[in-house]
Amino acid sequence: MLKYYARTFLPWILLAVVSGFDDRAGAVTGLVAALALLAQDLRRGHRADSLILEVSTSVFMAALTGLAFTISGSPVLDYGASLAIGWLGVTAWGTLLLGRPFTEGIARRQVSAEIAATELFGKINRVITGVWAAGFTVMAVVLGCVQHWAPDATALLVAVKIAGFTVPAVFTARYPEIARRRHFARLGLPLPEMPATAAPGPSPR
């Protein structure tokens, strides 16, 4: 499943890397990548609820590109990294408030419709989305502080970004199986095997 998250966050990674050399180039690169991925997913017929993050990413990249070309040298661009991650945080929290955790849409691509309809599947994704939302929020605040007090500390900025994405990613990889084991242990049932092509989640009962 992690390859789907890596793909989803590709525009943000490109933005972070290219913006280190040029704000405009970074914004355009992020926008092109976001639109290309969104178009590809739409052609594949993915459900709307699985594209929330892609749509949100495209909106942000379009706004950032417009700002970069219309207000060149804007001080807002100095906080581009923290604003970008903050936008991801707002998106993640918003999907939780709407009852549509963004990780659920991604996870549906990896499991059967029967598994996706279970209560455990929804619970697992609410927890995972909450961890991503909290991680984005903390990362945005820390990046904002670093960009304000030590804008030239490139190594520190990179370290914060790596940690901010790695911790939720590791949790995403491990938590579903832990949740499954707890769920079936609580029910006093043996843990069913998952199909080799499916992501961890509840098995049909």
C-alpha atoms as a PDB file:
ATOM      1  CA  MET A   1       0.000   0.000   0.000  1.00  0.00           C
ATOM      2  CA  LEU A   2       2.871   2.376   0.716  1.00  0.00           C
ATOM      3  CA  LYS A   3       3.656   2.695  -2.996  1.00  0.00           C
ATOM      4  CA  TYR A   4       0.226   4.323  -3.416  1.00  0.00           C
ATOM      5  CA  TYR A   5       1.059   6.876  -0.733  1.00  0.00           C
ATOM      6  CA  ALA A   6       4.443   7.546  -2.341  1.00  0.00           C
ATOM      7  CA  ARG A   7       2.695   8.118  -5.660  1.00  0.00           C
ATOM      8  CA  THR A   8       0.044  10.342  -4.057  1.00  0.00           C
ATOM      9  CA  PHE A   9       2.652  12.521  -2.351  1.00  0.00           C
ATOM     10  CA  LEU A  10       4.920  12.733  -5.422  1.00  0.00           C
ATOM     11  CA  PRO A  11       3.813  16.303  -6.344  1.00  0.00           C
ATOM     12  CA  TRP A  12       4.646  17.467  -2.803  1.00  0.00           C
ATOM     13  CA  ILE A  13       8.040  15.776  -2.907  1.00  0.00           C
ATOM     14  CA  LEU A  14       8.818  17.410  -6.253  1.00  0.00           C
ATOM     15  CA  LEU A  15       7.638  20.770  -4.917  1.00  0.00           C
ATOM     16  CA  ALA A  16       9.920  20.466  -1.898  1.00  0.00           C
ATOM     17  CA  VAL A  17      12.963  19.459  -3.956  1.00  0.00           C
ATOM     18  CA  VAL A  18      12.635  21.828  -6.927  1.00  0.00           C
ATOM     19  CA  SER A  19      11.564  24.818  -4.821  1.00  0.00           C
ATOM     20  CA  GLY A  20      14.924  24.617  -3.121  1.00  0.00           C
ATOM     21  CA  PHE A  21      16.352  25.956  -6.388  1.00  0.00           C
ATOM     22  CA  ASP A  22      13.493  28.102  -7.704  1.00  0.00           C
ATOM     23  CA  ASP A  23      10.019  28.831  -6.275  1.00  0.00           C
ATOM     24  CA  ARG A  24       8.335  29.168  -9.669  1.00  0.00           C
ATOM     25  CA  ALA A  25       9.858  26.006 -11.049  1.00  0.00           C
ATOM     26  CA  GLY A  26       8.892  24.132  -7.910  1.00  0.00           C
ATOM     27  CA  ALA A  27       5.275  25.286  -8.097  1.00  0.00           C
ATOM     28  CA  VAL A  28       4.951  24.454 -11.792  1.00  0.00           C
ATOM     29  CA  THR A  29       6.575  21.041 -11.339  1.00  0.00           C
ATOM     30  CA  GLY A  30       4.218  20.230  -8.470  1.00  0.00           C
ATOM     31  CA  LEU A  31       1.191  21.386 -10.458  1.00  0.00           C
ATOM     32  CA  VAL A  32       2.095  19.385 -13.569  1.00  0.00           C
ATOM     33  CA  ALA A  33       2.688  16.247 -11.497  1.00  0.00           C
ATOM     34  CA  ALA A  34      -0.574  16.716  -9.574  1.00  0.00           C
ATOM     35  CA  LEU A  35      -2.668  17.192 -12.714  1.00  0.00           C
ATOM     36  CA  ALA A  36      -0.974  14.276 -14.476  1.00  0.00           C
ATOM     37  CA  LEU A  37      -1.669  11.894 -11.587  1.00  0.00           C
ATOM     38  CA  LEU A  38      -5.257  13.111 -11.226  1.00  0.00           C
ATOM     39  CA  ALA A  39      -5.904  12.672 -14.956  1.00  0.00           C
ATOM     40  CA  GLN A  40      -4.404   9.189 -14.863  1.00  0.00           C
ATOM     41  CA  ASP A  41      -6.608   8.172 -11.921  1.00  0.00           C
ATOM     42  CA  LEU A  42      -9.720   9.559 -13.591  1.00  0.00           C
ATOM     43  CA  ARG A  43      -8.954   7.569 -16.734  1.00  0.00           C
ATOM     44  CA  ARG A  44      -8.642   4.466 -14.601  1.00  0.00           C
ATOM     45  CA  GLY A  45     -12.121   5.084 -13.236  1.00  0.00           C
ATOM     46  CA  HIS A  46     -11.190   5.510  -9.568  1.00  0.00           C
ATOM     47  CA  ARG A  47     -13.999   6.487  -7.199  1.00  0.00           C
ATOM     48  CA  ALA A  48     -14.318  10.154  -6.245  1.00  0.00           C
ATOM     49  CA  ASP A  49     -13.690   9.424  -2.547  1.00  0.00           C
ATOM     50  CA  SER A  50     -10.316   7.896  -3.432  1.00  0.00           C
ATOM     51  CA  LEU A  51      -9.170  11.108  -5.149  1.00  0.00           C
ATOM     52  CA  ILE A  52      -9.752  13.622  -2.354  1.00  0.00           C
ATOM     53  CA  LEU A  53      -6.060  14.154  -1.734  1.00  0.00           C
ATOM     54  CA  GLU A  54      -5.278  14.341  -5.452  1.00  0.00           C
ATOM     55  CA  VAL A  55      -7.927  17.008  -6.021  1.00  0.00           C
ATOM     56  CA  SER A  56      -6.805  18.962  -2.954  1.00  0.00           C
ATOM     57  CA  THR A  57      -3.196  18.746  -4.123  1.00  0.00           C
ATOM     58  CA  SER A  58      -4.095  20.073  -7.575  1.00  0.00           C
ATOM     59  CA  VAL A  59      -5.992  23.014  -6.059  1.00  0.00           C
ATOM     60  CA  PHE A  60      -3.080  23.956  -3.813  1.00  0.00           C
ATOM     61  CA  MET A  61      -0.494  23.637  -6.578  1.00  0.00           C
ATOM     62  CA  ALA A  62      -2.599  25.801  -8.896  1.00  0.00           C
ATOM     63  CA  ALA A  63      -2.942  28.484  -6.214  1.00  0.00           C
ATOM     64  CA  LEU A  64       0.777  28.363  -5.381  1.00  0.00           C
ATOM     65  CA  THR A  65       1.718  28.597  -9.055  1.00  0.00           C
ATOM     66  CA  GLY A  66      -0.555  31.595  -9.504  1.00  0.00           C
ATOM     67  CA  LEU A  67       1.008  33.277  -6.481  1.00  0.00           C
ATOM     68  CA  ALA A  68       4.553  32.526  -7.608  1.00  0.00           C
ATOM     69  CA  PHE A  69       3.997  34.139 -11.022  1.00  0.00           C
ATOM     70  CA  THR A  70       1.810  37.091 -10.023  1.00  0.00           C
ATOM     71  CA  ILE A  71       3.502  38.152  -6.801  1.00  0.00           C
ATOM     72  CA  SER A  72       7.129  37.279  -7.368  1.00  0.00           C
ATOM     73  CA  GLY A  73       9.200  37.525  -4.214  1.00  0.00           C
ATOM     74  CA  SER A  74       6.173  37.388  -1.947  1.00  0.00           C
ATOM     75  CA  PRO A  75       7.215  36.668   1.677  1.00  0.00           C
ATOM     76  CA  VAL A  76       4.503  34.013   1.712  1.00  0.00           C
ATOM     77  CA  LEU A  77       6.692  31.917  -0.593  1.00  0.00           C
ATOM     78  CA  ASP A  78       9.372  31.869   2.117  1.00  0.00           C
ATOM     79  CA  TYR A  79       7.018  29.620   4.066  1.00  0.00           C
ATOM     80  CA  GLY A  80       6.063  27.466   1.099  1.00  0.00           C
ATOM     81  CA  ALA A  81       7.018  24.176   2.769  1.00  0.00           C
ATOM     82  CA  SER A  82       5.043  24.802   5.955  1.00  0.00           C
ATOM     83  CA  LEU A  83       2.055  26.101   3.967  1.00  0.00           C
ATOM     84  CA  ALA A  84       2.088  23.019   1.737  1.00  0.00           C
ATOM     85  CA  ILE A  85       2.183  20.605   4.662  1.00  0.00           C
ATOM     86  CA  GLY A  86      -0.376  22.706   6.518  1.00  0.00           C
ATOM     87  CA  TRP A  87      -2.708  22.374   3.533  1.00  0.00           C
ATOM     88  CA  LEU A  88      -2.276  18.596   3.658  1.00  0.00           C
ATOM     89  CA  GLY A  89      -3.128  18.720   7.358  1.00  0.00           C
ATOM     90  CA  VAL A  90      -6.291  20.731   6.752  1.00  0.00           C
ATOM     91  CA  THR A  91      -7.286  18.300   4.004  1.00  0.00           C
ATOM     92  CA  ALA A  92      -6.703  15.269   6.221  1.00  0.00           C
ATOM     93  CA  TRP A  93      -8.630  16.737   9.173  1.00  0.00           C
ATOM     94  CA  GLY A  94     -11.403  17.786   6.820  1.00  0.00           C
ATOM     95  CA  THR A  95     -11.857  14.266   5.467  1.00  0.00           C
ATOM     96  CA  LEU A  96     -12.164  12.982   9.023  1.00  0.00           C
ATOM     97  CA  LEU A  97     -14.778  15.597   9.924  1.00  0.00           C
ATOM     98  CA  LEU A  98     -16.749  14.681   6.805  1.00  0.00           C
ATOM     99  CA  GLY A  99     -16.555  11.002   7.683  1.00  0.00           C
ATOM    100  CA  ARG A 100     -14.494  10.272   4.563  1.00  0.00           C
ATOM    101  CA  PRO A 101     -10.920   9.628   5.795  1.00  0.00           C
ATOM    102  CA  PHE A 102      -8.651  10.048   2.788  1.00  0.00           C
ATOM    103  CA  THR A 103      -6.722   6.837   3.488  1.00  0.00           C
ATOM    104  CA  GLU A 104      -9.940   4.844   3.098  1.00  0.00           C
ATOM    105  CA  GLY A 105     -10.193   5.768  -0.556  1.00  0.00           C
ATOM    106  CA  ILE A 106      -6.598   4.696  -1.125  1.00  0.00           C
ATOM    107  CA  ALA A 107      -7.033   1.441   0.806  1.00  0.00           C
ATOM    108  CA  ARG A 108     -10.164   0.505  -1.158  1.00  0.00           C
ATOM    109  CA  ARG A 109      -7.960   0.043  -4.204  1.00  0.00           C
ATOM    110  CA  GLN A 110      -6.172  -2.804  -2.432  1.00  0.00           C
ATOM    111  CA  VAL A 111      -9.017  -4.818  -0.888  1.00  0.00           C
ATOM    112  CA  SER A 112     -12.235  -6.475  -1.986  1.00  0.00           C
ATOM    113  CA  ALA A 113     -15.572  -4.648  -1.748  1.00  0.00           C
ATOM    114  CA  GLU A 114     -16.591  -7.064   1.015  1.00  0.00           C
ATOM    115  CA  ILE A 115     -13.614  -6.137   3.175  1.00  0.00           C
ATOM    116  CA  ALA A 116     -14.022  -2.413   2.450  1.00  0.00           C
ATOM    117  CA  ALA A 117     -17.614  -2.593   3.728  1.00  0.00           C
ATOM    118  CA  THR A 118     -16.650  -3.866   7.194  1.00  0.00           C
ATOM    119  CA  GLU A 119     -16.638  -1.713  10.320  1.00  0.00           C
ATOM    120  CA  LEU A 120     -13.044  -2.662  11.115  1.00  0.00           C
ATOM    121  CA  PHE A 121     -11.857  -1.392   7.729  1.00  0.00           C
ATOM    122  CA  GLY A 122     -13.422   1.994   8.443  1.00  0.00           C
ATOM    123  CA  LYS A 123     -12.020   2.125  11.982  1.00  0.00           C
ATOM    124  CA  ILE A 124      -8.504   1.303  10.807  1.00  0.00           C
ATOM    125  CA  ASN A 125      -8.600   4.091   8.235  1.00  0.00           C
ATOM    126  CA  ARG A 126      -9.974   6.646  10.677  1.00  0.00           C
ATOM    127  CA  VAL A 127      -7.031   5.943  12.955  1.00  0.00           C
ATOM    128  CA  ILE A 128      -4.482   6.023  10.124  1.00  0.00           C
ATOM    129  CA  THR A 129      -5.907   9.252   8.696  1.00  0.00           C
ATOM    130  CA  GLY A 130      -5.793  10.767  12.185  1.00  0.00           C
ATOM    131  CA  VAL A 131      -2.109   9.906  12.471  1.00  0.00           C
ATOM    132  CA  TRP A 132      -1.359  11.469   9.069  1.00  0.00           C
ATOM    133  CA  ALA A 133      -3.385  14.568   9.997  1.00  0.00           C
ATOM    134  CA  ALA A 134      -1.556  14.959  13.305  1.00  0.00           C
ATOM    135  CA  GLY A 135       1.781  14.354  11.598  1.00  0.00           C
ATOM    136  CA  PHE A 136       1.073  16.983   8.949  1.00  0.00           C
ATOM    137  CA  THR A 137       0.008  19.479  11.609  1.00  0.00           C
ATOM    138  CA  VAL A 138       3.120  19.005  13.725  1.00  0.00           C
ATOM    139  CA  MET A 139       5.374  19.052  10.662  1.00  0.00           C
ATOM    140  CA  ALA A 140       3.799  22.284   9.379  1.00  0.00           C
ATOM    141  CA  VAL A 141       4.342  24.028  12.723  1.00  0.00           C
ATOM    142  CA  VAL A 142       7.936  22.819  13.050  1.00  0.00           C
ATOM    143  CA  LEU A 143       8.764  23.757   9.453  1.00  0.00           C
ATOM    144  CA  GLY A 144       7.242  27.187   9.967  1.00  0.00           C
ATOM    145  CA  CYS A 145       9.424  27.748  13.022  1.00  0.00           C
ATOM    146  CA  VAL A 146      12.564  26.560  11.243  1.00  0.00           C
ATOM    147  CA  GLN A 147      11.810  28.671   8.166  1.00  0.00           C
ATOM    148  CA  HIS A 148      11.302  31.717  10.382  1.00  0.00           C
ATOM    149  CA  TRP A 149      14.219  31.351  12.786  1.00  0.00           C
ATOM    150  CA  ALA A 150      16.732  29.392  10.676  1.00  0.00           C
ATOM    151  CA  PRO A 151      15.743  29.666   7.000  1.00  0.00           C
ATOM    152  CA  ASP A 152      19.191  28.602   5.819  1.00  0.00           C
ATOM    153  CA  ALA A 153      19.228  25.384   7.860  1.00  0.00           C
ATOM    154  CA  THR A 154      18.613  23.200   4.819  1.00  0.00           C
ATOM    155  CA  ALA A 155      19.690  19.971   6.510  1.00  0.00           C
ATOM    156  CA  LEU A 156      17.272  20.572   9.380  1.00  0.00           C
ATOM    157  CA  LEU A 157      14.398  21.317   6.989  1.00  0.00           C
ATOM    158  CA  VAL A 158      15.089  18.115   5.066  1.00  0.00           C
ATOM    159  CA  ALA A 159      15.302  16.105   8.300  1.00  0.00           C
ATOM    160  CA  VAL A 160      11.946  17.446   9.489  1.00  0.00           C
ATOM    161  CA  LYS A 161      10.300  16.573   6.168  1.00  0.00           C
ATOM    162  CA  ILE A 162      11.741  13.059   6.146  1.00  0.00           C
ATOM    163  CA  ALA A 163      10.669  12.403   9.715  1.00  0.00           C
ATOM    164  CA  GLY A 164       7.262  13.942   9.121  1.00  0.00           C
ATOM    165  CA  PHE A 165       6.493  11.542   6.284  1.00  0.00           C
ATOM    166  CA  THR A 166       8.358   8.483   7.586  1.00  0.00           C
ATOM    167  CA  VAL A 167       6.615   8.182  10.965  1.00  0.00           C
ATOM    168  CA  PRO A 168       3.040   8.119   9.567  1.00  0.00           C
ATOM    169  CA  ALA A 169       4.175   5.863   6.709  1.00  0.00           C
ATOM    170  CA  VAL A 170       5.640   3.290   9.096  1.00  0.00           C
ATOM    171  CA  PHE A 171       2.490   3.459  11.212  1.00  0.00           C
ATOM    172  CA  THR A 172       0.369   2.962   8.089  1.00  0.00           C
ATOM    173  CA  ALA A 173       2.343  -0.136   7.175  1.00  0.00           C
ATOM    174  CA  ARG A 174       2.138  -1.755  10.619  1.00  0.00           C
ATOM    175  CA  TYR A 175      -1.095  -0.660  12.270  1.00  0.00           C
ATOM    176  CA  PRO A 176      -3.658  -2.526  10.100  1.00  0.00           C
ATOM    177  CA  GLU A 177      -2.232  -5.934  10.986  1.00  0.00           C
ATOM    178  CA  ILE A 178      -2.028  -4.984  14.666  1.00  0.00           C
ATOM    179  CA  ALA A 179      -5.669  -3.856  14.564  1.00  0.00           C
ATOM    180  CA  ARG A 180      -6.732  -7.095  12.863  1.00  0.00           C
ATOM    181  CA  ARG A 181      -4.994  -9.223  15.498  1.00  0.00           C
ATOM    182  CA  ARG A 182      -6.594  -7.285  18.339  1.00  0.00           C
ATOM    183  CA  HIS A 183     -10.007  -7.432  16.679  1.00  0.00           C
ATOM    184  CA  PHE A 184     -10.085 -11.191  16.188  1.00  0.00           C
ATOM    185  CA  ALA A 185      -8.439 -11.865  19.552  1.00  0.00           C
ATOM    186  CA  ARG A 186     -11.201  -9.846  21.218  1.00  0.00           C
ATOM    187  CA  LEU A 187     -13.782 -11.940  19.386  1.00  0.00           C
ATOM    188  CA  GLY A 188     -11.977 -15.135  20.342  1.00  0.00           C
ATOM    189  CA  LEU A 189     -11.561 -16.090  16.679  1.00  0.00           C
ATOM    190  CA  PRO A 190      -8.475 -17.300  14.802  1.00  0.00           C
ATOM    191  CA  LEU A 191      -6.803 -14.718  12.621  1.00  0.00           C
ATOM    192  CA  PRO A 192      -7.755 -15.381   8.967  1.00  0.00           C
ATOM    193  CA  GLU A 193      -5.063 -15.228   6.338  1.00  0.00           C
ATOM    194  CA  MET A 194      -5.117 -12.255   3.990  1.00  0.00           C
ATOM    195  CA  PRO A 195      -4.973 -12.721   0.218  1.00  0.00           C
ATOM    196  CA  ALA A 196      -1.460 -12.108  -1.086  1.00  0.00           C
ATOM    197  CA  THR A 197      -2.601  -9.103  -3.150  1.00  0.00           C
ATOM    198  CA  ALA A 198      -4.631  -7.428  -0.420  1.00  0.00           C
ATOM    199  CA  ALA A 199      -3.530  -4.816   2.053  1.00  0.00           C
ATOM    200  CA  PRO A 200      -3.969  -5.596   5.763  1.00  0.00           C
ATOM    201  CA  GLY A 201      -7.510  -5.143   6.897  1.00  0.00           C
ATOM    202  CA  PRO A 202     -10.472  -7.077   8.265  1.00  0.00           C
ATOM    203  CA  SER A 203     -11.301 -10.359   6.624  1.00  0.00           C
ATOM    204  CA  PRO A 204     -14.819 -11.280   5.575  1.00  0.00           C
ATOM    205  CA  ARG A 205     -16.848 -12.982   8.286  1.00  0.00           C
END
